[in-house]
C-alpha cells in the first residue's frame, strides 16, 4: 500500500511522524521475547506485523473520522499513511530476513530435540545421528546460499535468537570446514559492526581449530576421557580464562561444571 500524502492534515499530526521511530526503538529491544509477530485486535482496530527487530508495521482504526493510520518502519526510514477505514490492506512484501529467521529457529528447535537426548544417551542412537546428519547437511547448503546473498544473518536482520541459532548450526558443520571458515569470517565482520554477539565467535573458532587438527583457543569444546568430560586440547591453557573473559565467557572451570551437570555420564558412554 502506497502511503498517501499528509498535506492538509500534517498540522494536526505533528507527533504522528515520530510514531514509527518510537515503535522501532521499542520493538528492537523486545523482538526476541515476543512470541507472535503478527496479530490483530478487531475490537480495538489494531493490526501489527513485525518483520524483524528494526522492521514492521502497525495500523490503528480511527472510527470517529473514518480513517486508518498505518505506521511502517525499517532501519533506515519511517513512514505514516492515512487511508479510509474500510480500505483493503495491501501489505508490503515480507523482507527476506523474516523467512530466514523462521527457518533458522525451526532448524534449531528440531536439532535440540534430537541432539540433547542423543548426547545424554552417549551418542549411541544411530537413528538420531542419521537424522541430525541430514538436518545439518540440508542446513549447510541453505546457509551457504544465505551467505551468498546477504552475508552473515545478523541481529538486525533476523534477531538475536536466530543469529545465535545460525552460530550453532555452523558449529555442527563438522564435515564442511570451508563453510565453517567462511562463516567465521562473516560473523567476525558482523561482530565488529555490533550486529552479532562476539562471544559466539569463540565457539566457532574452537570448532574450526579442532577441525584443522589444532588445539582450541577458548575451551568451549569437551570430550569424554576416562569417564569424565574434559576440555579438548587447549593452546596456552594458563591464559585460557583471560581469553574467555575478553569474549564475555565465564571461567573455564565454571563452564566445565555446567556441562557436567547438564550431561551427566552414565558409565556406558563410548570414549
C-alpha atoms as a PDB file:
ATOM      1  CA  UNK A   1       0.000   0.000   0.000  1.00  0.00           C
ATOM      2  CA  UNK A   2       1.496   3.328  -1.099  1.00  0.00           C
ATOM      3  CA  UNK A   3       1.449   5.933   1.698  1.00  0.00           C
ATOM      4  CA  UNK A   4      -0.912   8.846   0.963  1.00  0.00           C
ATOM      5  CA  UNK A   5       0.359  12.444   1.185  1.00  0.00           C
ATOM      6  CA  UNK A   6      -0.493  14.012   4.513  1.00  0.00           C
ATOM      7  CA  UNK A   7      -0.906  17.515   3.023  1.00  0.00           C
ATOM      8  CA  UNK A   8      -3.757  19.301   4.813  1.00  0.00           C
ATOM      9  CA  UNK A   9      -3.689  17.048   7.911  1.00  0.00           C
ATOM     10  CA  UNK A  10       0.023  17.481   8.568  1.00  0.00           C
ATOM     11  CA  UNK A  11      -0.547  20.292  11.049  1.00  0.00           C
ATOM     12  CA  UNK A  12      -2.772  18.045  13.145  1.00  0.00           C
ATOM     13  CA  UNK A  13      -0.244  15.191  13.095  1.00  0.00           C
ATOM     14  CA  UNK A  14       2.888  16.918  14.308  1.00  0.00           C
ATOM     15  CA  UNK A  15       3.672  13.972  16.622  1.00  0.00           C
ATOM     16  CA  UNK A  16       2.462  11.263  14.261  1.00  0.00           C
ATOM     17  CA  UNK A  17       5.686  11.179  12.283  1.00  0.00           C
ATOM     18  CA  UNK A  18       7.501  10.259  15.488  1.00  0.00           C
ATOM     19  CA  UNK A  19       5.351   7.148  15.890  1.00  0.00           C
ATOM     20  CA  UNK A  20       7.286   4.740  13.633  1.00  0.00           C
ATOM     21  CA  UNK A  21      10.646   5.726  15.102  1.00  0.00           C
ATOM     22  CA  UNK A  22       9.385   5.265  18.655  1.00  0.00           C
ATOM     23  CA  UNK A  23       7.836   1.904  17.794  1.00  0.00           C
ATOM     24  CA  UNK A  24      11.014   0.746  16.069  1.00  0.00           C
ATOM     25  CA  UNK A  25      13.156   1.656  19.063  1.00  0.00           C
ATOM     26  CA  UNK A  26      10.776  -0.133  21.439  1.00  0.00           C
ATOM     27  CA  UNK A  27      10.429  -3.292  19.326  1.00  0.00           C
ATOM     28  CA  UNK A  28      14.183  -3.650  18.770  1.00  0.00           C
ATOM     29  CA  UNK A  29      14.770  -4.439  22.456  1.00  0.00           C
ATOM     30  CA  UNK A  30      11.923  -6.961  22.912  1.00  0.00           C
ATOM     31  CA  UNK A  31      11.652  -8.591  19.478  1.00  0.00           C
ATOM     32  CA  UNK A  32      13.032 -11.967  20.570  1.00  0.00           C
ATOM     33  CA  UNK A  33      10.758 -12.027  23.634  1.00  0.00           C
ATOM     34  CA  UNK A  34       7.534 -11.579  21.619  1.00  0.00           C
ATOM     35  CA  UNK A  35       6.032 -14.991  20.796  1.00  0.00           C
ATOM     36  CA  UNK A  36       3.734 -13.777  17.979  1.00  0.00           C
ATOM     37  CA  UNK A  37       4.978 -11.270  15.426  1.00  0.00           C
ATOM     38  CA  UNK A  38       1.632 -10.829  13.644  1.00  0.00           C
ATOM     39  CA  UNK A  39      -1.633 -10.231  15.481  1.00  0.00           C
ATOM     40  CA  UNK A  40      -4.907  -8.354  15.192  1.00  0.00           C
ATOM     41  CA  UNK A  41      -7.354  -6.951  17.731  1.00  0.00           C
ATOM     42  CA  UNK A  42     -10.574  -6.255  15.811  1.00  0.00           C
ATOM     43  CA  UNK A  43     -12.258  -4.767  18.858  1.00  0.00           C
ATOM     44  CA  UNK A  44      -9.564  -2.112  19.201  1.00  0.00           C
ATOM     45  CA  UNK A  45      -8.923  -1.885  15.478  1.00  0.00           C
ATOM     46  CA  UNK A  46      -5.211  -2.597  15.813  1.00  0.00           C
ATOM     47  CA  UNK A  47      -3.090  -4.717  13.454  1.00  0.00           C
ATOM     48  CA  UNK A  48       0.604  -5.450  13.992  1.00  0.00           C
ATOM     49  CA  UNK A  49       3.193  -7.189  11.810  1.00  0.00           C
ATOM     50  CA  UNK A  50       6.807  -7.322  12.963  1.00  0.00           C
ATOM     51  CA  UNK A  51       9.221  -8.426  10.252  1.00  0.00           C
ATOM     52  CA  UNK A  52      12.408  -8.094  12.278  1.00  0.00           C
ATOM     53  CA  UNK A  53      13.993  -6.180  15.156  1.00  0.00           C
ATOM     54  CA  UNK A  54      14.055  -2.999  13.043  1.00  0.00           C
ATOM     55  CA  UNK A  55      11.242  -3.570  10.554  1.00  0.00           C
ATOM     56  CA  UNK A  56       7.462  -3.786  10.822  1.00  0.00           C
ATOM     57  CA  UNK A  57       4.122  -2.060  10.548  1.00  0.00           C
ATOM     58  CA  UNK A  58       1.158  -1.266  12.783  1.00  0.00           C
ATOM     59  CA  UNK A  59      -2.224   0.229  11.888  1.00  0.00           C
ATOM     60  CA  UNK A  60      -4.905   1.864  14.050  1.00  0.00           C
ATOM     61  CA  UNK A  61      -8.545   2.401  13.069  1.00  0.00           C
ATOM     62  CA  UNK A  62      -9.900   5.867  13.819  1.00  0.00           C
ATOM     63  CA  UNK A  63     -13.714   5.402  13.577  1.00  0.00           C
ATOM     64  CA  UNK A  64     -14.553   8.979  14.580  1.00  0.00           C
ATOM     65  CA  UNK A  65     -13.102  10.310  11.318  1.00  0.00           C
ATOM     66  CA  UNK A  66     -13.396   7.140   9.215  1.00  0.00           C
ATOM     67  CA  UNK A  67      -9.661   6.752   8.759  1.00  0.00           C
ATOM     68  CA  UNK A  68      -6.952   4.158   9.341  1.00  0.00           C
ATOM     69  CA  UNK A  69      -3.459   5.298  10.315  1.00  0.00           C
ATOM     70  CA  UNK A  70      -0.611   2.952   9.370  1.00  0.00           C
ATOM     71  CA  UNK A  71       2.971   3.282  10.587  1.00  0.00           C
ATOM     72  CA  UNK A  72       5.781   1.453   8.757  1.00  0.00           C
ATOM     73  CA  UNK A  73       9.451   1.426   9.628  1.00  0.00           C
ATOM     74  CA  UNK A  74      12.776  -0.216   8.852  1.00  0.00           C
ATOM     75  CA  UNK A  75      16.342   0.528   9.904  1.00  0.00           C
ATOM     76  CA  UNK A  76      16.697   3.492   7.550  1.00  0.00           C
ATOM     77  CA  UNK A  77      13.293   5.173   7.279  1.00  0.00           C
ATOM     78  CA  UNK A  78       9.879   5.560   8.890  1.00  0.00           C
ATOM     79  CA  UNK A  79       6.575   6.317   7.167  1.00  0.00           C
ATOM     80  CA  UNK A  80       2.992   7.115   8.094  1.00  0.00           C
ATOM     81  CA  UNK A  81      -0.049   6.617   5.836  1.00  0.00           C
ATOM     82  CA  UNK A  82      -3.712   7.651   6.212  1.00  0.00           C
ATOM     83  CA  UNK A  83      -6.412   5.692   4.366  1.00  0.00           C
ATOM     84  CA  UNK A  84     -10.177   5.175   4.504  1.00  0.00           C
ATOM     85  CA  UNK A  85     -11.037   2.875   7.401  1.00  0.00           C
ATOM     86  CA  UNK A  86     -12.689   0.360   5.055  1.00  0.00           C
ATOM     87  CA  UNK A  87      -9.758   0.224   2.620  1.00  0.00           C
ATOM     88  CA  UNK A  88      -8.484  -3.287   1.980  1.00  0.00           C
ATOM     89  CA  UNK A  89      -4.968  -3.589   3.474  1.00  0.00           C
ATOM     90  CA  UNK A  90      -2.278  -4.327   0.902  1.00  0.00           C
ATOM     91  CA  UNK A  91       0.772  -5.417   2.908  1.00  0.00           C
ATOM     92  CA  UNK A  92       4.278  -4.825   1.672  1.00  0.00           C
ATOM     93  CA  UNK A  93       6.213  -7.948   0.585  1.00  0.00           C
ATOM     94  CA  UNK A  94       7.859  -9.713   3.517  1.00  0.00           C
ATOM     95  CA  UNK A  95      11.570  -8.938   3.855  1.00  0.00           C
ATOM     96  CA  UNK A  96      13.989 -11.826   3.285  1.00  0.00           C
ATOM     97  CA  UNK A  97      15.013 -11.770   6.943  1.00  0.00           C
ATOM     98  CA  UNK A  98      11.557 -12.964   8.046  1.00  0.00           C
ATOM     99  CA  UNK A  99      11.792 -16.327   6.303  1.00  0.00           C
ATOM    100  CA  UNK A 100      15.493 -16.727   7.174  1.00  0.00           C
ATOM    101  CA  UNK A 101      14.660 -16.151  10.834  1.00  0.00           C
ATOM    102  CA  UNK A 102      11.803 -18.653  10.773  1.00  0.00           C
ATOM    103  CA  UNK A 103      13.919 -21.339   9.131  1.00  0.00           C
ATOM    104  CA  UNK A 104      16.872 -20.854  11.481  1.00  0.00           C
ATOM    105  CA  UNK A 105      14.674 -21.110  14.571  1.00  0.00           C
ATOM    106  CA  UNK A 106      12.784 -24.095  13.179  1.00  0.00           C
ATOM    107  CA  UNK A 107      16.015 -25.996  12.418  1.00  0.00           C
ATOM    108  CA  UNK A 108      17.396 -25.065  15.835  1.00  0.00           C
ATOM    109  CA  UNK A 109      14.328 -26.479  17.607  1.00  0.00           C
ATOM    110  CA  UNK A 110      14.480 -29.747  15.673  1.00  0.00           C
ATOM    111  CA  UNK A 111      18.230 -30.029  16.250  1.00  0.00           C
ATOM    112  CA  UNK A 112      17.825 -29.530  20.017  1.00  0.00           C
ATOM    113  CA  UNK A 113      15.042 -32.127  20.225  1.00  0.00           C
ATOM    114  CA  UNK A 114      17.366 -34.677  18.632  1.00  0.00           C
ATOM    115  CA  UNK A 115      20.798 -33.617  19.866  1.00  0.00           C
ATOM    116  CA  UNK A 116      20.208 -33.254  23.614  1.00  0.00           C
ATOM    117  CA  UNK A 117      18.849 -36.787  24.214  1.00  0.00           C
ATOM    118  CA  UNK A 118      21.422 -38.167  21.768  1.00  0.00           C
ATOM    119  CA  UNK A 119      24.234 -36.581  23.792  1.00  0.00           C
ATOM    120  CA  UNK A 120      22.789 -37.641  27.142  1.00  0.00           C
ATOM    121  CA  UNK A 121      22.480 -41.172  25.830  1.00  0.00           C
ATOM    122  CA  UNK A 122      26.164 -41.336  24.987  1.00  0.00           C
ATOM    123  CA  UNK A 123      25.802 -40.705  21.225  1.00  0.00           C
ATOM    124  CA  UNK A 124      24.726 -44.312  20.683  1.00  0.00           C
ATOM    125  CA  UNK A 125      21.350 -43.746  18.960  1.00  0.00           C
ATOM    126  CA  UNK A 126      22.125 -44.246  15.272  1.00  0.00           C
ATOM    127  CA  UNK A 127      18.656 -43.130  14.195  1.00  0.00           C
ATOM    128  CA  UNK A 128      19.115 -39.735  15.881  1.00  0.00           C
ATOM    129  CA  UNK A 129      22.599 -39.460  14.389  1.00  0.00           C
ATOM    130  CA  UNK A 130      21.308 -40.052  10.860  1.00  0.00           C
ATOM    131  CA  UNK A 131      18.532 -37.510  11.297  1.00  0.00           C
ATOM    132  CA  UNK A 132      20.948 -34.927  12.687  1.00  0.00           C
ATOM    133  CA  UNK A 133      23.376 -35.513   9.824  1.00  0.00           C
ATOM    134  CA  UNK A 134      20.593 -34.983   7.281  1.00  0.00           C
ATOM    135  CA  UNK A 135      19.340 -31.861   9.094  1.00  0.00           C
ATOM    136  CA  UNK A 136      22.787 -30.277   9.313  1.00  0.00           C
ATOM    137  CA  UNK A 137      23.590 -31.190   5.700  1.00  0.00           C
ATOM    138  CA  UNK A 138      20.479 -29.529   4.307  1.00  0.00           C
ATOM    139  CA  UNK A 139      21.003 -26.562   6.628  1.00  0.00           C
ATOM    140  CA  UNK A 140      24.580 -26.151   5.405  1.00  0.00           C
ATOM    141  CA  UNK A 141      23.544 -25.984   1.751  1.00  0.00           C
ATOM    142  CA  UNK A 142      20.856 -23.423   2.510  1.00  0.00           C
ATOM    143  CA  UNK A 143      23.111 -21.349   4.791  1.00  0.00           C
ATOM    144  CA  UNK A 144      25.718 -21.124   2.051  1.00  0.00           C
ATOM    145  CA  UNK A 145      23.056 -19.588  -0.205  1.00  0.00           C
ATOM    146  CA  UNK A 146      22.170 -17.097   2.537  1.00  0.00           C
ATOM    147  CA  UNK A 147      25.852 -16.111   2.791  1.00  0.00           C
ATOM    148  CA  UNK A 148      25.980 -15.591  -0.989  1.00  0.00           C
ATOM    149  CA  UNK A 149      23.034 -13.184  -0.939  1.00  0.00           C
ATOM    150  CA  UNK A 150      23.200 -11.448   2.427  1.00  0.00           C
ATOM    151  CA  UNK A 151      26.424 -12.276   4.230  1.00  0.00           C
ATOM    152  CA  UNK A 152      26.027 -13.227   7.874  1.00  0.00           C
ATOM    153  CA  UNK A 153      22.358 -13.118   9.058  1.00  0.00           C
ATOM    154  CA  UNK A 154      22.964 -10.696  11.897  1.00  0.00           C
ATOM    155  CA  UNK A 155      20.823  -9.492  14.765  1.00  0.00           C
ATOM    156  CA  UNK A 156      19.396  -6.518  12.868  1.00  0.00           C
ATOM    157  CA  UNK A 157      18.170  -8.865  10.123  1.00  0.00           C
ATOM    158  CA  UNK A 158      16.882 -11.930  11.990  1.00  0.00           C
ATOM    159  CA  UNK A 159      17.000 -11.094  15.712  1.00  0.00           C
ATOM    160  CA  UNK A 160      19.282 -12.297  18.495  1.00  0.00           C
ATOM    161  CA  UNK A 161      17.776 -15.776  18.902  1.00  0.00           C
ATOM    162  CA  UNK A 162      18.037 -16.601  15.200  1.00  0.00           C
ATOM    163  CA  UNK A 163      21.562 -15.261  14.684  1.00  0.00           C
ATOM    164  CA  UNK A 164      22.707 -17.411  17.626  1.00  0.00           C
ATOM    165  CA  UNK A 165      20.869 -20.367  16.071  1.00  0.00           C
ATOM    166  CA  UNK A 166      22.897 -19.781  12.903  1.00  0.00           C
ATOM    167  CA  UNK A 167      26.057 -19.908  15.011  1.00  0.00           C
ATOM    168  CA  UNK A 168      25.045 -23.260  16.497  1.00  0.00           C
ATOM    169  CA  UNK A 169      24.372 -24.635  13.024  1.00  0.00           C
ATOM    170  CA  UNK A 170      27.856 -23.579  11.915  1.00  0.00           C
ATOM    171  CA  UNK A 171      29.401 -25.343  14.926  1.00  0.00           C
ATOM    172  CA  UNK A 172      27.747 -28.586  13.834  1.00  0.00           C
ATOM    173  CA  UNK A 173      29.208 -28.439  10.300  1.00  0.00           C
ATOM    174  CA  UNK A 174      31.894 -30.954  11.184  1.00  0.00           C
ATOM    175  CA  UNK A 175      32.148 -32.197   7.583  1.00  0.00           C
ATOM    176  CA  UNK A 176      32.294 -28.780   5.940  1.00  0.00           C
ATOM    177  CA  UNK A 177      35.386 -26.939   7.156  1.00  0.00           C
ATOM    178  CA  UNK A 178      35.423 -24.457   4.209  1.00  0.00           C
ATOM    179  CA  UNK A 179      31.906 -23.278   5.101  1.00  0.00           C
ATOM    180  CA  UNK A 180      32.869 -23.026   8.782  1.00  0.00           C
ATOM    181  CA  UNK A 181      35.855 -20.844   7.867  1.00  0.00           C
ATOM    182  CA  UNK A 182      33.698 -18.672   5.649  1.00  0.00           C
ATOM    183  CA  UNK A 183      31.100 -18.311   8.391  1.00  0.00           C
ATOM    184  CA  UNK A 184      33.777 -17.333  10.903  1.00  0.00           C
ATOM    185  CA  UNK A 185      34.990 -14.534   8.626  1.00  0.00           C
ATOM    186  CA  UNK A 186      31.448 -13.235   8.056  1.00  0.00           C
ATOM    187  CA  UNK A 187      30.412 -13.368  11.707  1.00  0.00           C
ATOM    188  CA  UNK A 188      33.603 -11.553  12.715  1.00  0.00           C
ATOM    189  CA  UNK A 189      32.698  -8.714  10.341  1.00  0.00           C
ATOM    190  CA  UNK A 190      29.164  -8.682  11.808  1.00  0.00           C
ATOM    191  CA  UNK A 191      30.506  -8.622  15.373  1.00  0.00           C
ATOM    192  CA  UNK A 192      32.833  -5.720  14.531  1.00  0.00           C
ATOM    193  CA  UNK A 193      29.750  -3.843  13.295  1.00  0.00           C
ATOM    194  CA  UNK A 194      27.866  -4.600  16.523  1.00  0.00           C
ATOM    195  CA  UNK A 195      25.416  -6.916  14.732  1.00  0.00           C
ATOM    196  CA  UNK A 196      26.463 -10.235  16.291  1.00  0.00           C
ATOM    197  CA  UNK A 197      27.411 -11.325  19.850  1.00  0.00           C
ATOM    198  CA  UNK A 198      31.183 -11.543  19.958  1.00  0.00           C
ATOM    199  CA  UNK A 199      31.124 -14.427  22.433  1.00  0.00           C
ATOM    200  CA  UNK A 200      29.637 -16.672  19.726  1.00  0.00           C
ATOM    201  CA  UNK A 201      32.861 -16.282  17.744  1.00  0.00           C
ATOM    202  CA  UNK A 202      34.683 -18.225  20.471  1.00  0.00           C
ATOM    203  CA  UNK A 203      32.569 -21.342  19.888  1.00  0.00           C
ATOM    204  CA  UNK A 204      33.029 -21.308  16.119  1.00  0.00           C
ATOM    205  CA  UNK A 205      36.744 -20.514  16.422  1.00  0.00           C
ATOM    206  CA  UNK A 206      37.225 -23.615  18.564  1.00  0.00           C
ATOM    207  CA  UNK A 207      35.186 -25.716  16.129  1.00  0.00           C
ATOM    208  CA  UNK A 208      37.379 -24.595  13.236  1.00  0.00           C
ATOM    209  CA  UNK A 209      40.621 -25.095  15.170  1.00  0.00           C
ATOM    210  CA  UNK A 210      39.739 -28.661  16.149  1.00  0.00           C
ATOM    211  CA  UNK A 211      38.612 -29.485  12.600  1.00  0.00           C
ATOM    212  CA  UNK A 212      42.023 -28.260  11.408  1.00  0.00           C
ATOM    213  CA  UNK A 213      43.764 -30.542  13.902  1.00  0.00           C
ATOM    214  CA  UNK A 214      44.909 -27.656  16.094  1.00  0.00           C
ATOM    215  CA  UNK A 215      44.258 -27.029  19.806  1.00  0.00           C
ATOM    216  CA  UNK A 216      41.248 -24.898  20.669  1.00  0.00           C
ATOM    217  CA  UNK A 217      41.643 -21.339  21.971  1.00  0.00           C
ATOM    218  CA  UNK A 218      38.706 -20.762  24.320  1.00  0.00           C
ATOM    219  CA  UNK A 219      37.945 -24.175  25.787  1.00  0.00           C
ATOM    220  CA  UNK A 220      34.374 -24.400  24.521  1.00  0.00           C
ATOM    221  CA  UNK A 221      34.672 -27.978  23.235  1.00  0.00           C
ATOM    222  CA  UNK A 222      34.803 -31.024  25.511  1.00  0.00           C
ATOM    223  CA  UNK A 223      35.357 -34.760  25.137  1.00  0.00           C
ATOM    224  CA  UNK A 224      34.985 -37.829  27.347  1.00  0.00           C
ATOM    225  CA  UNK A 225      38.274 -39.074  28.817  1.00  0.00           C
ATOM    226  CA  UNK A 226      38.438 -41.854  31.412  1.00  0.00           C
ATOM    227  CA  UNK A 227      34.794 -41.372  32.341  1.00  0.00           C
ATOM    228  CA  UNK A 228      34.933 -37.576  32.663  1.00  0.00           C
ATOM    229  CA  UNK A 229      34.076 -34.617  30.446  1.00  0.00           C
ATOM    230  CA  UNK A 230      37.289 -32.648  29.896  1.00  0.00           C
ATOM    231  CA  UNK A 231      38.237 -29.814  27.528  1.00  0.00           C
ATOM    232  CA  UNK A 232      39.667 -30.815  24.186  1.00  0.00           C
ATOM    233  CA  UNK A 233      43.368 -29.899  23.805  1.00  0.00           C
ATOM    234  CA  UNK A 234      43.986 -26.220  24.605  1.00  0.00           C
ATOM    235  CA  UNK A 235      46.514 -23.742  23.314  1.00  0.00           C
ATOM    236  CA  UNK A 236      48.303 -21.949  26.167  1.00  0.00           C
ATOM    237  CA  UNK A 237      45.908 -23.276  28.849  1.00  0.00           C
ATOM    238  CA  UNK A 238      47.307 -20.975  31.553  1.00  0.00           C
ATOM    239  CA  UNK A 239      45.828 -17.964  29.720  1.00  0.00           C
ATOM    240  CA  UNK A 240      42.502 -19.513  28.728  1.00  0.00           C
ATOM    241  CA  UNK A 241      40.415 -17.678  31.328  1.00  0.00           C
ATOM    242  CA  UNK A 242      41.857 -14.358  30.208  1.00  0.00           C
ATOM    243  CA  UNK A 243      40.901 -15.133  26.619  1.00  0.00           C
ATOM    244  CA  UNK A 244      37.452 -16.277  27.709  1.00  0.00           C
ATOM    245  CA  UNK A 245      36.911 -13.121  29.737  1.00  0.00           C
ATOM    246  CA  UNK A 246      37.769 -10.999  26.682  1.00  0.00           C
ATOM    247  CA  UNK A 247      34.976 -12.769  24.798  1.00  0.00           C
ATOM    248  CA  UNK A 248      32.434 -12.411  27.586  1.00  0.00           C
ATOM    249  CA  UNK A 249      32.647 -16.059  28.725  1.00  0.00           C
ATOM    250  CA  UNK A 250      32.697 -17.395  32.286  1.00  0.00           C
ATOM    251  CA  UNK A 251      35.905 -19.038  33.607  1.00  0.00           C
ATOM    252  CA  UNK A 252      36.601 -22.474  32.201  1.00  0.00           C
ATOM    253  CA  UNK A 253      36.004 -24.349  35.468  1.00  0.00           C
ATOM    254  CA  UNK A 254      32.520 -22.821  35.772  1.00  0.00           C
ATOM    255  CA  UNK A 255      31.697 -23.787  32.205  1.00  0.00           C
ATOM    256  CA  UNK A 256      33.007 -27.317  32.797  1.00  0.00           C
ATOM    257  CA  UNK A 257      30.839 -27.757  35.894  1.00  0.00           C
ATOM    258  CA  UNK A 258      27.815 -26.540  33.954  1.00  0.00           C
ATOM    259  CA  UNK A 259      28.416 -29.077  31.170  1.00  0.00           C
ATOM    260  CA  UNK A 260      28.942 -31.941  33.613  1.00  0.00           C
ATOM    261  CA  UNK A 261      25.675 -31.134  35.357  1.00  0.00           C
ATOM    262  CA  UNK A 262      23.834 -30.868  32.064  1.00  0.00           C
ATOM    263  CA  UNK A 263      25.282 -34.064  30.607  1.00  0.00           C
ATOM    264  CA  UNK A 264      25.951 -36.467  33.499  1.00  0.00           C
ATOM    265  CA  UNK A 265      27.834 -39.603  32.486  1.00  0.00           C
ATOM    266  CA  UNK A 266      26.169 -42.972  32.964  1.00  0.00           C
ATOM    267  CA  UNK A 267      29.282 -45.090  32.739  1.00  0.00           C
ATOM    268  CA  UNK A 268      28.172 -46.689  29.464  1.00  0.00           C
ATOM    269  CA  UNK A 269      29.247 -43.939  27.047  1.00  0.00           C
ATOM    270  CA  UNK A 270      31.905 -44.720  24.439  1.00  0.00           C
ATOM    271  CA  UNK A 271      35.224 -42.955  24.892  1.00  0.00           C
END
